[in-house]
Amino acid sequence: MPKVEHRRKGPGSARGKPAPARPRTASRAPAAPRGPRRLAPEARRAAILRAALGVFAERGFEAARLDDVAARAGVAKGTLYLYFRDKEALFEALIRTAVSPVMERLAALAGAADLPPMEALAAFLRLFETEVLGTERKLLLRLIIAEGPRFPALAEFYHREVVSRGLAHVRALAARAAASGELPTDAAARFPQLLVAPLLLAVIWDALFGRIAPLDVGGLLRAHQQVLAGKPERKAAP
């Protein structure tokens, strides 16, 4: 009896028909890369000011270019002009933004009637040490010292917005300290520049000699307070 050959049927059909082709799934297109996240207006303004501080500190006021500021901030130059009309306006806004928090705290110290005047003056010196000398704000002060003679308008602006206001608060504290006997004379009230002189010295010293002979600013300011609170001079007998 002849053998009957059985053909193995394909997996696609019981009758051996070829399996139907699987439908192809449409390949997904790769997601488009996301563009830079849009910043809120205030955040964009802050980014421009941060970039401006770096450019001004590195190149000085005269050599600084708004193109460089815009590039560092990651904005178009036209966007920069939406916030600041020119380089002078940008620099002035940078000064106001940087100094405003320090000036507010100094005003609070000057107006704290329950705080002894010499304690308030000591707090002011510490404030300047930590919030100016210890931060990038000192770069602005260096810039004014270096560029002020060539750009009188910038020096006048800084004097009006920072120096005169700050000295008024310091003068008020010195007058209270002299009236209470904490200061031996009213010299610091008449010349409040005496109180802030070591602060300017620290800025200039750091710029010129900081790498050669770093200054102990904290020790300098403590010594300054000791000198201020020294014994009064003896008056000559009549």
C-alpha atoms as a PDB file:
ATOM      1  CA  MET A   1       0.000   0.000   0.000  1.00  0.00           C
ATOM      2  CA  PRO A   2       1.562   3.251  -1.088  1.00  0.00           C
ATOM      3  CA  LYS A   3       2.427   5.811   1.601  1.00  0.00           C
ATOM      4  CA  VAL A   4       0.476   9.026   1.572  1.00  0.00           C
ATOM      5  CA  GLU A   5       2.649  12.059   2.123  1.00  0.00           C
ATOM      6  CA  HIS A   6       1.129  14.688   4.410  1.00  0.00           C
ATOM      7  CA  ARG A   7       2.264  18.214   3.689  1.00  0.00           C
ATOM      8  CA  ARG A   8       2.744  20.398   6.739  1.00  0.00           C
ATOM      9  CA  LYS A   9       0.342  23.253   6.602  1.00  0.00           C
ATOM     10  CA  GLY A  10       1.565  26.806   7.034  1.00  0.00           C
ATOM     11  CA  PRO A  11       0.821  28.684  10.158  1.00  0.00           C
ATOM     12  CA  GLY A  12      -1.365  31.191   8.435  1.00  0.00           C
ATOM     13  CA  SER A  13      -4.198  28.982   7.343  1.00  0.00           C
ATOM     14  CA  ALA A  14      -5.680  25.614   8.032  1.00  0.00           C
ATOM     15  CA  ARG A  15      -5.648  24.910   4.278  1.00  0.00           C
ATOM     16  CA  GLY A  16      -1.972  25.779   3.864  1.00  0.00           C
ATOM     17  CA  LYS A  17      -2.506  29.245   2.437  1.00  0.00           C
ATOM     18  CA  PRO A  18       0.243  31.786   3.176  1.00  0.00           C
ATOM     19  CA  ALA A  19      -0.350  33.920   6.230  1.00  0.00           C
ATOM     20  CA  PRO A  20      -1.616  37.392   5.453  1.00  0.00           C
ATOM     21  CA  ALA A  21       0.968  40.119   5.865  1.00  0.00           C
ATOM     22  CA  ARG A  22       0.735  41.988   9.127  1.00  0.00           C
ATOM     23  CA  PRO A  23      -0.400  45.557   8.712  1.00  0.00           C
ATOM     24  CA  ARG A  24       2.452  47.965   9.132  1.00  0.00           C
ATOM     25  CA  THR A  25       2.128  50.469  11.900  1.00  0.00           C
ATOM     26  CA  ALA A  26       2.830  53.988  10.804  1.00  0.00           C
ATOM     27  CA  SER A  27       6.186  55.101  12.178  1.00  0.00           C
ATOM     28  CA  ARG A  28       5.966  58.151  14.374  1.00  0.00           C
ATOM     29  CA  ALA A  29       7.918  61.170  13.300  1.00  0.00           C
ATOM     30  CA  PRO A  30      10.548  62.250  15.820  1.00  0.00           C
ATOM     31  CA  ALA A  31       9.363  65.018  18.106  1.00  0.00           C
ATOM     32  CA  ALA A  32      10.534  68.431  17.074  1.00  0.00           C
ATOM     33  CA  PRO A  33      13.126  69.845  19.441  1.00  0.00           C
ATOM     34  CA  ARG A  34      11.715  72.314  21.860  1.00  0.00           C
ATOM     35  CA  GLY A  35      12.843  75.865  21.504  1.00  0.00           C
ATOM     36  CA  PRO A  36      14.180  77.932  24.387  1.00  0.00           C
ATOM     37  CA  ARG A  37      11.669  78.460  27.133  1.00  0.00           C
ATOM     38  CA  ARG A  38      10.154  81.915  26.978  1.00  0.00           C
ATOM     39  CA  LEU A  39      10.910  83.962  30.040  1.00  0.00           C
ATOM     40  CA  ALA A  40       8.487  86.240  31.780  1.00  0.00           C
ATOM     41  CA  PRO A  41       9.269  89.941  31.221  1.00  0.00           C
ATOM     42  CA  GLU A  42      10.697  90.431  34.715  1.00  0.00           C
ATOM     43  CA  ALA A  43      12.849  87.316  34.435  1.00  0.00           C
ATOM     44  CA  ARG A  44      14.132  88.468  31.049  1.00  0.00           C
ATOM     45  CA  ARG A  45      14.943  91.890  32.468  1.00  0.00           C
ATOM     46  CA  ALA A  46      16.834  90.280  35.350  1.00  0.00           C
ATOM     47  CA  ALA A  47      18.790  88.120  32.892  1.00  0.00           C
ATOM     48  CA  ILE A  48      19.791  91.211  30.922  1.00  0.00           C
ATOM     49  CA  LEU A  49      20.959  92.965  34.082  1.00  0.00           C
ATOM     50  CA  ARG A  50      23.026  89.948  35.156  1.00  0.00           C
ATOM     51  CA  ALA A  51      24.639  89.823  31.744  1.00  0.00           C
ATOM     52  CA  ALA A  52      25.282  93.573  31.825  1.00  0.00           C
ATOM     53  CA  LEU A  53      27.089  93.306  35.148  1.00  0.00           C
ATOM     54  CA  GLY A  54      29.461  90.730  33.708  1.00  0.00           C
ATOM     55  CA  VAL A  55      30.145  92.691  30.529  1.00  0.00           C
ATOM     56  CA  PHE A  56      30.640  96.024  32.336  1.00  0.00           C
ATOM     57  CA  ALA A  57      32.933  94.427  34.909  1.00  0.00           C
ATOM     58  CA  GLU A  58      35.066  92.743  32.245  1.00  0.00           C
ATOM     59  CA  ARG A  59      35.295  95.540  29.684  1.00  0.00           C
ATOM     60  CA  GLY A  60      34.480  98.764  31.483  1.00  0.00           C
ATOM     61  CA  PHE A  61      31.661 101.121  30.612  1.00  0.00           C
ATOM     62  CA  GLU A  62      33.183 102.611  27.479  1.00  0.00           C
ATOM     63  CA  ALA A  63      34.194  99.343  25.809  1.00  0.00           C
ATOM     64  CA  ALA A  64      31.039  97.441  26.772  1.00  0.00           C
ATOM     65  CA  ARG A  65      28.697  96.799  23.839  1.00  0.00           C
ATOM     66  CA  LEU A  66      24.988  96.152  24.005  1.00  0.00           C
ATOM     67  CA  ASP A  67      25.438  93.385  21.417  1.00  0.00           C
ATOM     68  CA  ASP A  68      27.610  91.524  23.920  1.00  0.00           C
ATOM     69  CA  VAL A  69      25.088  92.050  26.706  1.00  0.00           C
ATOM     70  CA  ALA A  70      22.249  90.740  24.541  1.00  0.00           C
ATOM     71  CA  ALA A  71      24.276  87.716  23.448  1.00  0.00           C
ATOM     72  CA  ARG A  72      25.226  86.844  27.013  1.00  0.00           C
ATOM     73  CA  ALA A  73      21.621  87.235  28.159  1.00  0.00           C
ATOM     74  CA  GLY A  74      20.396  85.048  25.293  1.00  0.00           C
ATOM     75  CA  VAL A  75      18.102  87.687  23.812  1.00  0.00           C
ATOM     76  CA  ALA A  76      17.998  89.653  20.597  1.00  0.00           C
ATOM     77  CA  LYS A  77      19.422  93.144  20.666  1.00  0.00           C
ATOM     78  CA  GLY A  78      15.996  94.497  19.781  1.00  0.00           C
ATOM     79  CA  THR A  79      14.582  92.803  22.880  1.00  0.00           C
ATOM     80  CA  LEU A  80      17.152  94.590  25.020  1.00  0.00           C
ATOM     81  CA  TYR A  81      15.951  97.941  23.681  1.00  0.00           C
ATOM     82  CA  LEU A  82      12.427  97.108  24.826  1.00  0.00           C
ATOM     83  CA  TYR A  83      13.716  97.398  28.394  1.00  0.00           C
ATOM     84  CA  PHE A  84      16.553  99.941  28.192  1.00  0.00           C
ATOM     85  CA  ARG A  85      16.825 102.803  25.738  1.00  0.00           C
ATOM     86  CA  ASP A  86      20.653 102.918  25.703  1.00  0.00           C
ATOM     87  CA  LYS A  87      23.785 101.836  27.544  1.00  0.00           C
ATOM     88  CA  GLU A  88      23.505 104.625  30.118  1.00  0.00           C
ATOM     89  CA  ALA A  89      19.946 103.632  31.011  1.00  0.00           C
ATOM     90  CA  LEU A  90      21.042 100.003  31.348  1.00  0.00           C
ATOM     91  CA  PHE A  91      23.883 100.958  33.682  1.00  0.00           C
ATOM     92  CA  GLU A  92      21.611 103.147  35.816  1.00  0.00           C
ATOM     93  CA  ALA A  93      19.048 100.353  36.109  1.00  0.00           C
ATOM     94  CA  LEU A  94      21.825  97.986  37.133  1.00  0.00           C
ATOM     95  CA  ILE A  95      22.900 100.370  39.911  1.00  0.00           C
ATOM     96  CA  ARG A  96      19.346 100.830  41.197  1.00  0.00           C
ATOM     97  CA  THR A  97      18.594  97.118  41.176  1.00  0.00           C
ATOM     98  CA  ALA A  98      21.835  96.174  42.924  1.00  0.00           C
ATOM     99  CA  VAL A  99      21.803  98.912  45.551  1.00  0.00           C
ATOM    100  CA  SER A 100      18.115  99.060  46.445  1.00  0.00           C
ATOM    101  CA  PRO A 101      18.064  96.085  48.884  1.00  0.00           C
ATOM    102  CA  VAL A 102      21.144  97.368  50.729  1.00  0.00           C
ATOM    103  CA  MET A 103      19.762 100.886  50.955  1.00  0.00           C
ATOM    104  CA  GLU A 104      16.458  99.628  52.343  1.00  0.00           C
ATOM    105  CA  ARG A 105      18.238  97.740  55.116  1.00  0.00           C
ATOM    106  CA  LEU A 106      20.402 100.753  55.929  1.00  0.00           C
ATOM    107  CA  ALA A 107      17.294 102.938  56.159  1.00  0.00           C
ATOM    108  CA  ALA A 108      15.736 100.391  58.525  1.00  0.00           C
ATOM    109  CA  LEU A 109      18.836 100.501  60.744  1.00  0.00           C
ATOM    110  CA  ALA A 110      18.799 104.294  60.804  1.00  0.00           C
ATOM    111  CA  GLY A 111      15.126 104.310  61.757  1.00  0.00           C
ATOM    112  CA  ALA A 112      15.357 101.666  64.491  1.00  0.00           C
ATOM    113  CA  ALA A 113      14.853 103.875  67.544  1.00  0.00           C
ATOM    114  CA  ASP A 114      15.123 100.926  69.955  1.00  0.00           C
ATOM    115  CA  LEU A 115      18.581  99.951  68.649  1.00  0.00           C
ATOM    116  CA  PRO A 116      21.584 101.711  70.236  1.00  0.00           C
ATOM    117  CA  PRO A 117      23.260 103.916  67.597  1.00  0.00           C
ATOM    118  CA  MET A 118      26.664 102.242  67.831  1.00  0.00           C
ATOM    119  CA  GLU A 119      25.066  98.824  67.398  1.00  0.00           C
ATOM    120  CA  ALA A 120      23.282 100.151  64.333  1.00  0.00           C
ATOM    121  CA  LEU A 121      26.560 101.540  62.963  1.00  0.00           C
ATOM    122  CA  ALA A 122      28.268  98.197  63.594  1.00  0.00           C
ATOM    123  CA  ALA A 123      25.403  96.454  61.784  1.00  0.00           C
ATOM    124  CA  PHE A 124      25.828  98.866  58.874  1.00  0.00           C
ATOM    125  CA  LEU A 125      29.531  98.025  58.590  1.00  0.00           C
ATOM    126  CA  ARG A 126      28.737  94.290  58.632  1.00  0.00           C
ATOM    127  CA  LEU A 127      26.012  94.868  56.051  1.00  0.00           C
ATOM    128  CA  PHE A 128      28.466  96.577  53.727  1.00  0.00           C
ATOM    129  CA  GLU A 129      31.040  93.854  54.277  1.00  0.00           C
ATOM    130  CA  THR A 130      28.671  90.988  53.468  1.00  0.00           C
ATOM    131  CA  GLU A 131      26.327  92.536  50.896  1.00  0.00           C
ATOM    132  CA  VAL A 132      28.785  94.733  48.979  1.00  0.00           C
ATOM    133  CA  LEU A 133      32.345  93.558  49.537  1.00  0.00           C
ATOM    134  CA  GLY A 134      31.223  89.935  49.665  1.00  0.00           C
ATOM    135  CA  THR A 135      29.113  90.031  46.500  1.00  0.00           C
ATOM    136  CA  GLU A 136      29.306  91.179  42.896  1.00  0.00           C
ATOM    137  CA  ARG A 137      28.087  94.608  44.003  1.00  0.00           C
ATOM    138  CA  LYS A 138      31.692  95.537  44.689  1.00  0.00           C
ATOM    139  CA  LEU A 139      32.303  95.288  40.929  1.00  0.00           C
ATOM    140  CA  LEU A 140      29.946  98.214  40.396  1.00  0.00           C
ATOM    141  CA  LEU A 141      31.763 100.296  42.983  1.00  0.00           C
ATOM    142  CA  ARG A 142      35.083  99.493  41.337  1.00  0.00           C
ATOM    143  CA  LEU A 143      33.601 100.463  38.001  1.00  0.00           C
ATOM    144  CA  ILE A 144      32.419 103.831  39.304  1.00  0.00           C
ATOM    145  CA  ILE A 145      35.835 104.534  40.827  1.00  0.00           C
ATOM    146  CA  ALA A 146      37.564 103.648  37.557  1.00  0.00           C
ATOM    147  CA  GLU A 147      35.140 105.195  35.059  1.00  0.00           C
ATOM    148  CA  GLY A 148      33.651 108.094  37.024  1.00  0.00           C
ATOM    149  CA  PRO A 149      36.310 110.670  36.079  1.00  0.00           C
ATOM    150  CA  ARG A 150      35.764 109.962  32.356  1.00  0.00           C
ATOM    151  CA  PHE A 151      31.979 109.757  32.599  1.00  0.00           C
ATOM    152  CA  PRO A 152      30.859 112.492  35.026  1.00  0.00           C
ATOM    153  CA  ALA A 153      27.181 111.767  34.394  1.00  0.00           C
ATOM    154  CA  LEU A 154      27.624 108.257  35.789  1.00  0.00           C
ATOM    155  CA  ALA A 155      29.449 109.581  38.848  1.00  0.00           C
ATOM    156  CA  GLU A 156      26.716 112.167  39.430  1.00  0.00           C
ATOM    157  CA  PHE A 157      24.043 109.493  39.152  1.00  0.00           C
ATOM    158  CA  TYR A 158      25.843 107.219  41.613  1.00  0.00           C
ATOM    159  CA  HIS A 159      26.360 110.072  44.049  1.00  0.00           C
ATOM    160  CA  ARG A 160      22.694 111.055  43.873  1.00  0.00           C
ATOM    161  CA  GLU A 161      21.224 107.556  44.092  1.00  0.00           C
ATOM    162  CA  VAL A 162      23.713 105.885  46.433  1.00  0.00           C
ATOM    163  CA  VAL A 163      26.286 108.090  48.134  1.00  0.00           C
ATOM    164  CA  SER A 164      24.115 110.997  49.259  1.00  0.00           C
ATOM    165  CA  ARG A 165      21.322 108.734  50.499  1.00  0.00           C
ATOM    166  CA  GLY A 166      23.708 106.412  52.296  1.00  0.00           C
ATOM    167  CA  LEU A 167      25.616 109.246  53.951  1.00  0.00           C
ATOM    168  CA  ALA A 168      22.362 110.792  55.177  1.00  0.00           C
ATOM    169  CA  HIS A 169      21.517 107.592  57.059  1.00  0.00           C
ATOM    170  CA  VAL A 170      25.055 107.274  58.444  1.00  0.00           C
ATOM    171  CA  ARG A 171      25.044 110.919  59.519  1.00  0.00           C
ATOM    172  CA  ALA A 172      21.792 110.421  61.413  1.00  0.00           C
ATOM    173  CA  LEU A 173      23.207 107.404  63.248  1.00  0.00           C
ATOM    174  CA  ALA A 174      26.435 109.234  64.097  1.00  0.00           C
ATOM    175  CA  ALA A 175      24.493 112.218  65.454  1.00  0.00           C
ATOM    176  CA  ARG A 176      22.455 109.930  67.703  1.00  0.00           C
ATOM    177  CA  ALA A 177      25.617 108.174  68.889  1.00  0.00           C
ATOM    178  CA  ALA A 178      27.269 111.489  69.728  1.00  0.00           C
ATOM    179  CA  ALA A 179      24.159 112.735  71.551  1.00  0.00           C
ATOM    180  CA  SER A 180      23.988 109.565  73.656  1.00  0.00           C
ATOM    181  CA  GLY A 181      27.696 109.685  74.482  1.00  0.00           C
ATOM    182  CA  GLU A 182      28.514 106.494  72.571  1.00  0.00           C
ATOM    183  CA  LEU A 183      30.759 108.538  70.299  1.00  0.00           C
ATOM    184  CA  PRO A 184      33.142 110.940  72.041  1.00  0.00           C
ATOM    185  CA  THR A 185      32.607 113.767  69.542  1.00  0.00           C
ATOM    186  CA  ASP A 186      30.220 114.763  66.784  1.00  0.00           C
ATOM    187  CA  ALA A 187      33.009 114.618  64.190  1.00  0.00           C
ATOM    188  CA  ALA A 188      31.465 111.595  62.449  1.00  0.00           C
ATOM    189  CA  ALA A 189      28.115 113.381  62.266  1.00  0.00           C
ATOM    190  CA  ARG A 190      29.768 116.377  60.624  1.00  0.00           C
ATOM    191  CA  PHE A 191      31.871 114.192  58.349  1.00  0.00           C
ATOM    192  CA  PRO A 192      30.109 110.834  57.880  1.00  0.00           C
ATOM    193  CA  GLN A 193      32.714 110.042  55.233  1.00  0.00           C
ATOM    194  CA  LEU A 194      34.947 109.113  58.194  1.00  0.00           C
ATOM    195  CA  LEU A 195      32.684 106.151  58.918  1.00  0.00           C
ATOM    196  CA  VAL A 196      32.633 104.821  55.362  1.00  0.00           C
ATOM    197  CA  ALA A 197      36.298 105.531  54.541  1.00  0.00           C
ATOM    198  CA  PRO A 198      37.493 102.016  55.513  1.00  0.00           C
ATOM    199  CA  LEU A 199      34.859 100.542  53.226  1.00  0.00           C
ATOM    200  CA  LEU A 200      36.188 102.420  50.213  1.00  0.00           C
ATOM    201  CA  LEU A 201      39.716 101.542  51.282  1.00  0.00           C
ATOM    202  CA  ALA A 202      38.754  97.862  51.290  1.00  0.00           C
ATOM    203  CA  VAL A 203      37.363  98.085  47.739  1.00  0.00           C
ATOM    204  CA  ILE A 204      40.427  99.886  46.374  1.00  0.00           C
ATOM    205  CA  TRP A 205      42.861  97.669  48.268  1.00  0.00           C
ATOM    206  CA  ASP A 206      41.196  94.509  46.992  1.00  0.00           C
ATOM    207  CA  ALA A 207      41.329  95.758  43.396  1.00  0.00           C
ATOM    208  CA  LEU A 208      44.989  96.793  43.547  1.00  0.00           C
ATOM    209  CA  PHE A 209      46.645  94.547  46.103  1.00  0.00           C
ATOM    210  CA  GLY A 210      44.167  91.771  46.869  1.00  0.00           C
ATOM    211  CA  ARG A 211      46.266  89.101  45.157  1.00  0.00           C
ATOM    212  CA  ILE A 212      49.481  90.292  46.778  1.00  0.00           C
ATOM    213  CA  ALA A 213      48.368  91.072  50.313  1.00  0.00           C
ATOM    214  CA  PRO A 214      44.711  90.204  51.024  1.00  0.00           C
ATOM    215  CA  LEU A 215      43.098  92.520  53.534  1.00  0.00           C
ATOM    216  CA  ASP A 216      41.327  91.240  56.636  1.00  0.00           C
ATOM    217  CA  VAL A 217      38.239  93.364  56.105  1.00  0.00           C
ATOM    218  CA  GLY A 218      36.427  92.090  59.179  1.00  0.00           C
ATOM    219  CA  GLY A 219      39.400  92.864  61.382  1.00  0.00           C
ATOM    220  CA  LEU A 220      39.763  96.286  59.786  1.00  0.00           C
ATOM    221  CA  LEU A 221      36.143  97.183  60.496  1.00  0.00           C
ATOM    222  CA  ARG A 222      36.327  95.975  64.097  1.00  0.00           C
ATOM    223  CA  ALA A 223      39.443  98.080  64.626  1.00  0.00           C
ATOM    224  CA  HIS A 224      37.615 100.999  63.040  1.00  0.00           C
ATOM    225  CA  GLN A 225      34.803 100.690  65.579  1.00  0.00           C
ATOM    226  CA  GLN A 226      37.311 100.631  68.430  1.00  0.00           C
ATOM    227  CA  VAL A 227      38.899 103.822  67.151  1.00  0.00           C
ATOM    228  CA  LEU A 228      35.508 105.494  66.815  1.00  0.00           C
ATOM    229  CA  ALA A 229      34.508 104.625  70.371  1.00  0.00           C
ATOM    230  CA  GLY A 230      37.860 105.755  71.823  1.00  0.00           C
ATOM    231  CA  LYS A 231      38.207 108.116  74.737  1.00  0.00           C
ATOM    232  CA  PRO A 232      37.609 111.802  74.017  1.00  0.00           C
ATOM    233  CA  GLU A 233      40.575 114.072  73.630  1.00  0.00           C
ATOM    234  CA  ARG A 234      41.595 115.978  76.710  1.00  0.00           C
ATOM    235  CA  LYS A 235      40.966 119.662  76.467  1.00  0.00           C
ATOM    236  CA  ALA A 236      43.830 121.968  77.309  1.00  0.00           C
ATOM    237  CA  ALA A 237      43.482 123.805  80.595  1.00  0.00           C
ATOM    238  CA  PRO A 238      42.437 127.466  80.175  1.00  0.00           C
END
